[in-house]
Every structure is written in C-alpha cells, then in structure tokens.
Amino acid sequence: MTVVLSFEDVSVVRGGKKLLDSLSLTVREGERWVVMGPNGAGKTTFLQIAASRMHPTSGTVEILGERLGAVDVFELRPRVGLASSALMGHIPAQEKVLDVVVTAAYGVTGRWREEYERFDERRAFMLLEQWGVSTLLNRSFGQLSEGEKKRVQVARALMTDPEILLLDEPGGGLDLGGREDLVARLTHLARNPDSPAMVVVTHHVEEVPPGFTHALLLQEGKAVASGPIDEVLTSENLTAAFDLPLELTVENGRRFATARR
C-alpha cells in the first residue's frame, strides 16, 4: 500500500527539552491510527508535524510523498485534513458555520473576498449533514457548543477530500452523549474503504473507534509501542505508557482501561 506519512528518526527539541525523541513510524493508505499517551508525551507535537505545521529538529518526515523542508507547505496542506484546538482558535467567532467549512477549499479560516462555486457550498452542506450539524449552517461558530464545534471542525477537515485526516483529541471536552455520537460517526468513517488514512490523537481508550487498525503509544516523546492495534493496546503497554498499573478489557469492539486492583 502507498505510504502517506513517514517519520524516520524524528526528534523535536524546544527550550532544551525533547518533545519527540528519535520517533520512526509509517502510515499507509487505508490505515486508521490512534495515538495515545499521557499529557506531555508528544502527541500534539507529532500531529503538528504530520500536518506540516511544524518542522522537526532532526530526522526525516515525508507527507504524501513530499519531504518536509523541501516542499511548499501551502500546496501540501490542502491535501491534509486537520482538526485541532489550535486551528479552532484561529476561526473567527462570528464566522457562519457554512463558511467555516467552505473556506477550507482555500485553506483559510475566515471568509473574505474569495469566490466559491455552488459545488463547494453543496459539498460543505453535505458534510455538515453527515456530521449532524447541518441545521446550524447559518449560526455563528462562536455560538456553538463544544461538541458542535468539534463536529463542524471534522466536516471542515474533510472539505478538500484529503488524502490523510488528522484529528487532535476530537472527543476532548465532550459530555458522554457527545462522545458516543462522535465515536459512532468516526467508526462509520473508519469502516468506509473510500475514507482517507486517519490519525486520531486521544487520551482515552474508550474514545478509540472500532475499525481502527493501528496504534502508537508515546511517553516523554518516545514510542512505547507502535503497530497493529491489538498488539499495541494491551494492559502491559498501557501500564508502561501511563506509568500506572492498568487493565484493558474489550467489549463489542470497544476498549476500556481501569486501574488494576
């Protein structure tokens, strides 16, 4: 299968601290990855590099066949779907929900003088409908609940029909109902063979959608384990990553982790 994302011996140093430490990873077309680890493990740094929003201090990164540092990132970014809290902070609060999604076609976060085709607006509406927020298309983004903002962001990330989809803690801040609705929609997306390769960052195994194929566990910027999800998400590996005795159980395709008694 085609390689869509490759990290080779990648390190990131900021302020004398290693945020990523000699990380190597390959994501191929059709794979669905979850990235987990405690706070400060390097998850968001990993995703920012994968989205071409940050460059590594050392090592080699290739995104969709293009080497980071030798490619115009503004041409690359429309091929990468991204939803993150950092990106959400750049969306104007007064922006209409439909425009939040449609502006992804130009890679901007605020509609100005650019012109959009009717096709773009129809696609944006279709995506809002798929993610259960089409009734909000004329609402201001700043008026939405946290869960509604998350779903609008995912719709925006899919607007350009990306070749890889990156989601940074899409379940963060959601209540139980919002989380379960999100997991169900991500499960449907993951199981669709026409969906792009996916990388989702989360803190909680309960948020890992059925249908995901691979996992990366990080601790202090280093990989504790990476590979097929059933080999990586184990009680032993979770215990090592979170530095706490944890017991993993699986029920109906969903994973749950509790402290071992």
C-alpha atoms as a PDB file:
ATOM      1  CA  MET A   1       0.000   0.000   0.000  1.00  0.00           C
ATOM      2  CA  THR A   2       1.057   3.591  -0.633  1.00  0.00           C
ATOM      3  CA  VAL A   3       2.886   5.325   2.217  1.00  0.00           C
ATOM      4  CA  VAL A   4       1.068   8.547   3.168  1.00  0.00           C
ATOM      5  CA  LEU A   5       3.117   9.537   6.226  1.00  0.00           C
ATOM      6  CA  SER A   6       6.644   8.601   7.223  1.00  0.00           C
ATOM      7  CA  PHE A   7       8.696   9.622  10.255  1.00  0.00           C
ATOM      8  CA  GLU A   8      12.305   8.449  10.293  1.00  0.00           C
ATOM      9  CA  ASP A   9      14.337   9.062  13.460  1.00  0.00           C
ATOM     10  CA  VAL A  10      12.443  12.307  14.125  1.00  0.00           C
ATOM     11  CA  SER A  11      13.294  14.473  17.121  1.00  0.00           C
ATOM     12  CA  VAL A  12      11.888  17.850  18.178  1.00  0.00           C
ATOM     13  CA  VAL A  13      13.744  19.986  20.723  1.00  0.00           C
ATOM     14  CA  ARG A  14      12.241  23.148  22.181  1.00  0.00           C
ATOM     15  CA  GLY A  15      13.755  25.063  25.094  1.00  0.00           C
ATOM     16  CA  GLY A  16      16.264  22.307  25.681  1.00  0.00           C
ATOM     17  CA  LYS A  17      13.516  19.676  26.067  1.00  0.00           C
ATOM     18  CA  LYS A  18      12.899  16.813  23.641  1.00  0.00           C
ATOM     19  CA  LEU A  19       9.227  16.818  22.700  1.00  0.00           C
ATOM     20  CA  LEU A  20       9.816  13.909  20.315  1.00  0.00           C
ATOM     21  CA  ASP A  21      12.788  11.594  20.639  1.00  0.00           C
ATOM     22  CA  SER A  22      14.011   9.526  17.662  1.00  0.00           C
ATOM     23  CA  LEU A  23      10.489   8.597  16.531  1.00  0.00           C
ATOM     24  CA  SER A  24      10.030   6.382  13.468  1.00  0.00           C
ATOM     25  CA  LEU A  25       6.611   5.495  12.059  1.00  0.00           C
ATOM     26  CA  THR A  26       4.972   4.642   8.732  1.00  0.00           C
ATOM     27  CA  VAL A  27       1.278   5.208   7.947  1.00  0.00           C
ATOM     28  CA  ARG A  28      -0.073   3.635   4.779  1.00  0.00           C
ATOM     29  CA  GLU A  29      -3.138   4.233   2.664  1.00  0.00           C
ATOM     30  CA  GLY A  30      -6.251   2.688   4.224  1.00  0.00           C
ATOM     31  CA  GLU A  31      -4.815   2.537   7.743  1.00  0.00           C
ATOM     32  CA  ARG A  32      -6.542   4.111  10.746  1.00  0.00           C
ATOM     33  CA  TRP A  33      -4.147   5.049  13.552  1.00  0.00           C
ATOM     34  CA  VAL A  34      -4.790   6.144  17.118  1.00  0.00           C
ATOM     35  CA  VAL A  35      -2.051   7.973  19.027  1.00  0.00           C
ATOM     36  CA  MET A  36      -2.163   7.797  22.819  1.00  0.00           C
ATOM     37  CA  GLY A  37      -0.070   8.750  25.813  1.00  0.00           C
ATOM     38  CA  PRO A  38      -0.138  10.893  28.958  1.00  0.00           C
ATOM     39  CA  ASN A  39      -0.032  14.691  28.998  1.00  0.00           C
ATOM     40  CA  GLY A  40       3.276  15.941  27.622  1.00  0.00           C
ATOM     41  CA  ALA A  41       4.022  12.693  25.790  1.00  0.00           C
ATOM     42  CA  GLY A  42       4.410  14.451  22.416  1.00  0.00           C
ATOM     43  CA  LYS A  43       1.064  13.592  20.809  1.00  0.00           C
ATOM     44  CA  THR A  44       0.166  17.090  19.656  1.00  0.00           C
ATOM     45  CA  THR A  45       3.743  17.756  18.506  1.00  0.00           C
ATOM     46  CA  PHE A  46       3.556  14.584  16.398  1.00  0.00           C
ATOM     47  CA  LEU A  47       0.293  15.710  14.824  1.00  0.00           C
ATOM     48  CA  GLN A  48       1.528  19.252  14.148  1.00  0.00           C
ATOM     49  CA  ILE A  49       4.473  17.833  12.212  1.00  0.00           C
ATOM     50  CA  ALA A  50       2.210  15.381  10.356  1.00  0.00           C
ATOM     51  CA  ALA A  51       0.066  18.370   9.339  1.00  0.00           C
ATOM     52  CA  SER A  52       3.170  20.301   8.127  1.00  0.00           C
ATOM     53  CA  ARG A  53       2.534  22.967  10.785  1.00  0.00           C
ATOM     54  CA  MET A  54       5.864  22.307  12.493  1.00  0.00           C
ATOM     55  CA  HIS A  55       9.274  21.098  11.342  1.00  0.00           C
ATOM     56  CA  PRO A  56      11.415  18.575  13.209  1.00  0.00           C
ATOM     57  CA  THR A  57      14.754  19.471  14.743  1.00  0.00           C
ATOM     58  CA  SER A  58      16.292  16.360  13.191  1.00  0.00           C
ATOM     59  CA  GLY A  59      15.173  13.338  11.205  1.00  0.00           C
ATOM     60  CA  THR A  60      13.153  12.970   8.027  1.00  0.00           C
ATOM     61  CA  VAL A  61       9.402  13.458   7.535  1.00  0.00           C
ATOM     62  CA  GLU A  62       7.560  12.640   4.317  1.00  0.00           C
ATOM     63  CA  ILE A  63       3.905  13.584   3.902  1.00  0.00           C
ATOM     64  CA  LEU A  64       2.041  12.233   0.863  1.00  0.00           C
ATOM     65  CA  GLY A  65       5.347  11.579  -0.898  1.00  0.00           C
ATOM     66  CA  GLU A  66       6.708  15.075  -0.230  1.00  0.00           C
ATOM     67  CA  ARG A  67       9.660  15.690   2.057  1.00  0.00           C
ATOM     68  CA  LEU A  68       9.029  18.267   4.766  1.00  0.00           C
ATOM     69  CA  GLY A  69      11.529  21.088   4.319  1.00  0.00           C
ATOM     70  CA  ALA A  70      11.724  20.588   0.543  1.00  0.00           C
ATOM     71  CA  VAL A  71       8.086  21.269  -0.358  1.00  0.00           C
ATOM     72  CA  ASP A  72       5.801  24.307  -0.405  1.00  0.00           C
ATOM     73  CA  VAL A  73       3.651  23.521   2.644  1.00  0.00           C
ATOM     74  CA  PHE A  74       0.876  25.812   1.386  1.00  0.00           C
ATOM     75  CA  GLU A  75       0.447  23.497  -1.604  1.00  0.00           C
ATOM     76  CA  LEU A  76       0.656  20.413   0.616  1.00  0.00           C
ATOM     77  CA  ARG A  77      -1.774  21.434   3.359  1.00  0.00           C
ATOM     78  CA  PRO A  78      -4.996  21.241   1.277  1.00  0.00           C
ATOM     79  CA  ARG A  79      -4.213  17.522   0.812  1.00  0.00           C
ATOM     80  CA  VAL A  80      -4.173  17.058   4.601  1.00  0.00           C
ATOM     81  CA  GLY A  81      -7.382  17.323   6.633  1.00  0.00           C
ATOM     82  CA  LEU A  82      -6.762  18.727  10.122  1.00  0.00           C
ATOM     83  CA  ALA A  83      -8.994  19.354  13.131  1.00  0.00           C
ATOM     84  CA  SER A  84      -7.325  20.614  16.295  1.00  0.00           C
ATOM     85  CA  SER A  85      -7.874  23.009  19.176  1.00  0.00           C
ATOM     86  CA  ALA A  86      -5.014  25.159  17.840  1.00  0.00           C
ATOM     87  CA  LEU A  87      -6.746  25.507  14.480  1.00  0.00           C
ATOM     88  CA  MET A  88     -10.101  26.135  16.169  1.00  0.00           C
ATOM     89  CA  GLY A  89      -8.564  29.135  17.913  1.00  0.00           C
ATOM     90  CA  HIS A  90      -7.973  30.784  14.527  1.00  0.00           C
ATOM     91  CA  ILE A  91     -11.610  30.524  13.384  1.00  0.00           C
ATOM     92  CA  PRO A  92     -13.401  33.882  13.860  1.00  0.00           C
ATOM     93  CA  ALA A  93     -16.213  33.576  16.410  1.00  0.00           C
ATOM     94  CA  GLN A  94     -18.611  35.448  14.118  1.00  0.00           C
ATOM     95  CA  GLU A  95     -17.927  33.183  11.119  1.00  0.00           C
ATOM     96  CA  LYS A  96     -21.019  31.354   9.882  1.00  0.00           C
ATOM     97  CA  VAL A  97     -20.821  27.585  10.221  1.00  0.00           C
ATOM     98  CA  LEU A  98     -21.200  27.005   6.474  1.00  0.00           C
ATOM     99  CA  ASP A  99     -18.309  29.396   5.828  1.00  0.00           C
ATOM    100  CA  VAL A 100     -16.139  27.661   8.453  1.00  0.00           C
ATOM    101  CA  VAL A 101     -16.355  24.540   6.315  1.00  0.00           C
ATOM    102  CA  VAL A 102     -16.318  26.034   2.825  1.00  0.00           C
ATOM    103  CA  THR A 103     -13.230  28.208   3.459  1.00  0.00           C
ATOM    104  CA  ALA A 104     -11.161  25.039   3.817  1.00  0.00           C
ATOM    105  CA  ALA A 105     -11.248  24.918  -0.002  1.00  0.00           C
ATOM    106  CA  TYR A 106      -8.828  27.878   0.044  1.00  0.00           C
ATOM    107  CA  GLY A 107      -7.031  26.847   3.216  1.00  0.00           C
ATOM    108  CA  VAL A 108      -8.162  29.945   5.128  1.00  0.00           C
ATOM    109  CA  THR A 109     -10.112  30.335   8.373  1.00  0.00           C
ATOM    110  CA  GLY A 110     -12.160  33.429   7.594  1.00  0.00           C
ATOM    111  CA  ARG A 111     -14.219  34.241   4.520  1.00  0.00           C
ATOM    112  CA  TRP A 112     -13.176  37.462   2.811  1.00  0.00           C
ATOM    113  CA  ARG A 113     -13.373  38.297  -0.905  1.00  0.00           C
ATOM    114  CA  GLU A 114     -12.704  34.869  -2.359  1.00  0.00           C
ATOM    115  CA  GLU A 115     -15.409  33.359  -4.556  1.00  0.00           C
ATOM    116  CA  TYR A 116     -16.724  29.807  -4.119  1.00  0.00           C
ATOM    117  CA  GLU A 117     -18.536  27.581  -6.579  1.00  0.00           C
ATOM    118  CA  ARG A 118     -22.019  26.272  -5.819  1.00  0.00           C
ATOM    119  CA  PHE A 119     -20.361  22.844  -5.777  1.00  0.00           C
ATOM    120  CA  ASP A 120     -18.217  23.940  -2.814  1.00  0.00           C
ATOM    121  CA  GLU A 121     -21.223  25.116  -0.839  1.00  0.00           C
ATOM    122  CA  ARG A 122     -23.173  21.940  -1.650  1.00  0.00           C
ATOM    123  CA  ARG A 123     -20.231  19.803  -0.503  1.00  0.00           C
ATOM    124  CA  ALA A 124     -19.901  21.828   2.705  1.00  0.00           C
ATOM    125  CA  PHE A 125     -23.613  21.353   3.430  1.00  0.00           C
ATOM    126  CA  MET A 126     -23.388  17.614   2.705  1.00  0.00           C
ATOM    127  CA  LEU A 127     -20.510  17.252   5.168  1.00  0.00           C
ATOM    128  CA  LEU A 128     -22.344  19.239   7.836  1.00  0.00           C
ATOM    129  CA  GLU A 129     -25.306  16.927   7.283  1.00  0.00           C
ATOM    130  CA  GLN A 130     -23.111  13.824   7.624  1.00  0.00           C
ATOM    131  CA  TRP A 131     -21.800  15.110  10.952  1.00  0.00           C
ATOM    132  CA  GLY A 132     -25.236  16.054  12.277  1.00  0.00           C
ATOM    133  CA  VAL A 133     -24.844  19.846  12.305  1.00  0.00           C
ATOM    134  CA  SER A 134     -26.464  20.973   9.030  1.00  0.00           C
ATOM    135  CA  THR A 135     -29.235  22.779  10.937  1.00  0.00           C
ATOM    136  CA  LEU A 136     -26.560  25.118  12.311  1.00  0.00           C
ATOM    137  CA  LEU A 137     -25.206  26.292   8.932  1.00  0.00           C
ATOM    138  CA  ASN A 138     -26.237  29.942   9.494  1.00  0.00           C
ATOM    139  CA  ARG A 139     -25.221  30.083  13.151  1.00  0.00           C
ATOM    140  CA  SER A 140     -22.047  31.840  14.256  1.00  0.00           C
ATOM    141  CA  PHE A 141     -19.224  29.451  15.130  1.00  0.00           C
ATOM    142  CA  GLY A 142     -18.737  31.149  18.496  1.00  0.00           C
ATOM    143  CA  GLN A 143     -22.332  30.347  19.499  1.00  0.00           C
ATOM    144  CA  LEU A 144     -21.877  26.582  19.173  1.00  0.00           C
ATOM    145  CA  SER A 145     -21.402  24.115  21.981  1.00  0.00           C
ATOM    146  CA  GLU A 146     -18.065  22.346  22.339  1.00  0.00           C
ATOM    147  CA  GLY A 147     -19.458  19.192  20.732  1.00  0.00           C
ATOM    148  CA  GLU A 148     -20.955  21.121  17.827  1.00  0.00           C
ATOM    149  CA  LYS A 149     -17.641  22.893  17.225  1.00  0.00           C
ATOM    150  CA  LYS A 150     -15.829  19.561  17.157  1.00  0.00           C
ATOM    151  CA  ARG A 151     -18.176  18.135  14.534  1.00  0.00           C
ATOM    152  CA  VAL A 152     -18.009  21.284  12.387  1.00  0.00           C
ATOM    153  CA  GLN A 153     -14.224  21.040  12.521  1.00  0.00           C
ATOM    154  CA  VAL A 154     -14.252  17.449  11.297  1.00  0.00           C
ATOM    155  CA  ALA A 155     -16.573  18.457   8.437  1.00  0.00           C
ATOM    156  CA  ARG A 156     -14.117  21.248   7.587  1.00  0.00           C
ATOM    157  CA  ALA A 157     -11.185  18.802   7.690  1.00  0.00           C
ATOM    158  CA  LEU A 158     -12.941  16.619   5.087  1.00  0.00           C
ATOM    159  CA  MET A 159     -13.879  19.523   2.800  1.00  0.00           C
ATOM    160  CA  THR A 160     -10.936  19.166   0.407  1.00  0.00           C
ATOM    161  CA  ASP A 161     -11.324  15.372   0.131  1.00  0.00           C
ATOM    162  CA  PRO A 162      -7.933  14.954   1.853  1.00  0.00           C
ATOM    163  CA  GLU A 163      -5.571  12.039   1.410  1.00  0.00           C
ATOM    164  CA  ILE A 164      -4.931  11.871   5.158  1.00  0.00           C
ATOM    165  CA  LEU A 165      -7.153  13.023   8.022  1.00  0.00           C
ATOM    166  CA  LEU A 166      -5.612  14.199  11.319  1.00  0.00           C
ATOM    167  CA  LEU A 167      -7.807  14.722  14.385  1.00  0.00           C
ATOM    168  CA  ASP A 168      -6.337  16.076  17.628  1.00  0.00           C
ATOM    169  CA  GLU A 169      -8.447  14.991  20.619  1.00  0.00           C
ATOM    170  CA  PRO A 170     -11.814  15.219  18.836  1.00  0.00           C
ATOM    171  CA  GLY A 171     -13.537  13.938  21.987  1.00  0.00           C
ATOM    172  CA  GLY A 172     -11.925  16.467  24.320  1.00  0.00           C
ATOM    173  CA  GLY A 173     -14.463  18.438  26.359  1.00  0.00           C
ATOM    174  CA  LEU A 174     -17.474  16.402  25.197  1.00  0.00           C
ATOM    175  CA  ASP A 175     -20.098  15.015  27.522  1.00  0.00           C
ATOM    176  CA  LEU A 176     -20.995  11.316  27.448  1.00  0.00           C
ATOM    177  CA  GLY A 177     -23.650  11.701  24.757  1.00  0.00           C
ATOM    178  CA  GLY A 178     -21.412  13.859  22.593  1.00  0.00           C
ATOM    179  CA  ARG A 179     -18.525  11.429  22.940  1.00  0.00           C
ATOM    180  CA  GLU A 180     -20.616   8.400  21.986  1.00  0.00           C
ATOM    181  CA  ASP A 181     -22.099  10.206  18.989  1.00  0.00           C
ATOM    182  CA  LEU A 182     -18.595  11.169  17.853  1.00  0.00           C
ATOM    183  CA  VAL A 183     -17.248   7.628  18.278  1.00  0.00           C
ATOM    184  CA  ALA A 184     -20.157   6.254  16.231  1.00  0.00           C
ATOM    185  CA  ARG A 185     -19.540   8.721  13.397  1.00  0.00           C
ATOM    186  CA  LEU A 186     -15.790   8.077  13.420  1.00  0.00           C
ATOM    187  CA  THR A 187     -16.483   4.324  13.353  1.00  0.00           C
ATOM    188  CA  HIS A 188     -18.622   4.778  10.243  1.00  0.00           C
ATOM    189  CA  LEU A 189     -15.871   6.892   8.644  1.00  0.00           C
ATOM    190  CA  ALA A 190     -13.144   4.394   9.571  1.00  0.00           C
ATOM    191  CA  ARG A 191     -15.053   1.461   8.089  1.00  0.00           C
ATOM    192  CA  ASN A 192     -15.658   3.237   4.779  1.00  0.00           C
ATOM    193  CA  PRO A 193     -12.958   1.972   2.357  1.00  0.00           C
ATOM    194  CA  ASP A 194     -13.151   5.279   0.463  1.00  0.00           C
ATOM    195  CA  SER A 195     -12.140   7.284   3.546  1.00  0.00           C
ATOM    196  CA  PRO A 196      -8.611   8.683   3.717  1.00  0.00           C
ATOM    197  CA  ALA A 197      -5.916   7.327   6.001  1.00  0.00           C
ATOM    198  CA  MET A 198      -6.672   8.561   9.524  1.00  0.00           C
ATOM    199  CA  VAL A 199      -4.638   9.534  12.577  1.00  0.00           C
ATOM    200  CA  VAL A 200      -6.559  10.382  15.753  1.00  0.00           C
ATOM    201  CA  VAL A 201      -4.965  11.612  18.971  1.00  0.00           C
ATOM    202  CA  THR A 202      -6.781  10.815  22.214  1.00  0.00           C
ATOM    203  CA  HIS A 203      -6.134  10.382  25.930  1.00  0.00           C
ATOM    204  CA  HIS A 204      -8.749   7.679  26.446  1.00  0.00           C
ATOM    205  CA  VAL A 205      -9.044   4.137  25.068  1.00  0.00           C
ATOM    206  CA  GLU A 206     -12.829   4.494  25.385  1.00  0.00           C
ATOM    207  CA  GLU A 207     -12.651   7.007  22.524  1.00  0.00           C
ATOM    208  CA  VAL A 208     -10.908   4.616  20.122  1.00  0.00           C
ATOM    209  CA  PRO A 209     -13.481   3.849  17.414  1.00  0.00           C
ATOM    210  CA  PRO A 210     -14.000   0.250  16.276  1.00  0.00           C
ATOM    211  CA  GLY A 211     -12.465  -0.137  12.832  1.00  0.00           C
ATOM    212  CA  PHE A 212      -9.136   1.445  13.734  1.00  0.00           C
ATOM    213  CA  THR A 213      -6.225  -0.705  12.642  1.00  0.00           C
ATOM    214  CA  HIS A 214      -3.025   0.639  14.240  1.00  0.00           C
ATOM    215  CA  ALA A 215      -1.830   2.438  17.352  1.00  0.00           C
ATOM    216  CA  LEU A 216       1.125   4.437  18.634  1.00  0.00           C
ATOM    217  CA  LEU A 217       1.789   4.781  22.363  1.00  0.00           C
ATOM    218  CA  LEU A 218       4.034   7.658  23.407  1.00  0.00           C
ATOM    219  CA  GLN A 219       5.752   8.539  26.659  1.00  0.00           C
ATOM    220  CA  GLU A 220       8.098  11.504  27.028  1.00  0.00           C
ATOM    221  CA  GLY A 221       8.419  11.780  23.261  1.00  0.00           C
ATOM    222  CA  LYS A 222       9.434   8.153  22.746  1.00  0.00           C
ATOM    223  CA  ALA A 223       7.447   5.301  21.255  1.00  0.00           C
ATOM    224  CA  VAL A 224       6.483   2.726  23.883  1.00  0.00           C
ATOM    225  CA  ALA A 225       4.924   0.593  21.145  1.00  0.00           C
ATOM    226  CA  SER A 226       3.562   1.019  17.614  1.00  0.00           C
ATOM    227  CA  GLY A 227       1.922  -1.258  15.077  1.00  0.00           C
ATOM    228  CA  PRO A 228      -1.312  -3.279  14.729  1.00  0.00           C
ATOM    229  CA  ILE A 229      -3.775  -2.060  17.334  1.00  0.00           C
ATOM    230  CA  ASP A 230      -4.360  -5.385  19.101  1.00  0.00           C
ATOM    231  CA  GLU A 231      -0.623  -5.796  19.613  1.00  0.00           C
ATOM    232  CA  VAL A 232      -0.110  -2.242  20.892  1.00  0.00           C
ATOM    233  CA  LEU A 233      -3.150  -1.557  23.063  1.00  0.00           C
ATOM    234  CA  THR A 234      -2.505  -4.125  25.773  1.00  0.00           C
ATOM    235  CA  SER A 235      -2.585  -3.903  29.557  1.00  0.00           C
ATOM    236  CA  GLU A 236       1.203  -4.139  29.678  1.00  0.00           C
ATOM    237  CA  ASN A 237       1.844  -1.408  27.118  1.00  0.00           C
ATOM    238  CA  LEU A 238      -0.736   0.947  28.627  1.00  0.00           C
ATOM    239  CA  THR A 239       0.805   0.381  32.056  1.00  0.00           C
ATOM    240  CA  ALA A 240       4.226   1.301  30.669  1.00  0.00           C
ATOM    241  CA  ALA A 241       2.963   4.391  28.818  1.00  0.00           C
ATOM    242  CA  PHE A 242       0.884   5.842  31.665  1.00  0.00           C
ATOM    243  CA  ASP A 243       3.154   4.657  34.489  1.00  0.00           C
ATOM    244  CA  LEU A 244       0.176   3.138  36.321  1.00  0.00           C
ATOM    245  CA  PRO A 245      -0.981  -0.485  36.571  1.00  0.00           C
ATOM    246  CA  LEU A 246      -3.843  -0.644  34.070  1.00  0.00           C
ATOM    247  CA  GLU A 247      -6.171  -3.433  32.979  1.00  0.00           C
ATOM    248  CA  LEU A 248      -7.540  -3.357  29.438  1.00  0.00           C
ATOM    249  CA  THR A 249     -10.843  -5.002  28.560  1.00  0.00           C
ATOM    250  CA  VAL A 250     -12.608  -5.242  25.209  1.00  0.00           C
ATOM    251  CA  GLU A 251     -16.374  -5.455  24.780  1.00  0.00           C
ATOM    252  CA  ASN A 252     -18.249  -5.293  21.456  1.00  0.00           C
ATOM    253  CA  GLY A 253     -15.207  -3.810  19.761  1.00  0.00           C
ATOM    254  CA  ARG A 254     -14.777  -1.043  22.357  1.00  0.00           C
ATOM    255  CA  ARG A 255     -11.812  -0.847  24.720  1.00  0.00           C
ATOM    256  CA  PHE A 256     -11.881   0.175  28.370  1.00  0.00           C
ATOM    257  CA  ALA A 257      -8.983   0.740  30.766  1.00  0.00           C
ATOM    258  CA  THR A 258      -9.182   0.739  34.563  1.00  0.00           C
ATOM    259  CA  ALA A 259      -6.593   0.812  37.332  1.00  0.00           C
ATOM    260  CA  ARG A 260      -5.543  -2.691  38.267  1.00  0.00           C
ATOM    261  CA  ARG A 261      -6.523  -3.671  41.798  1.00  0.00           C
END
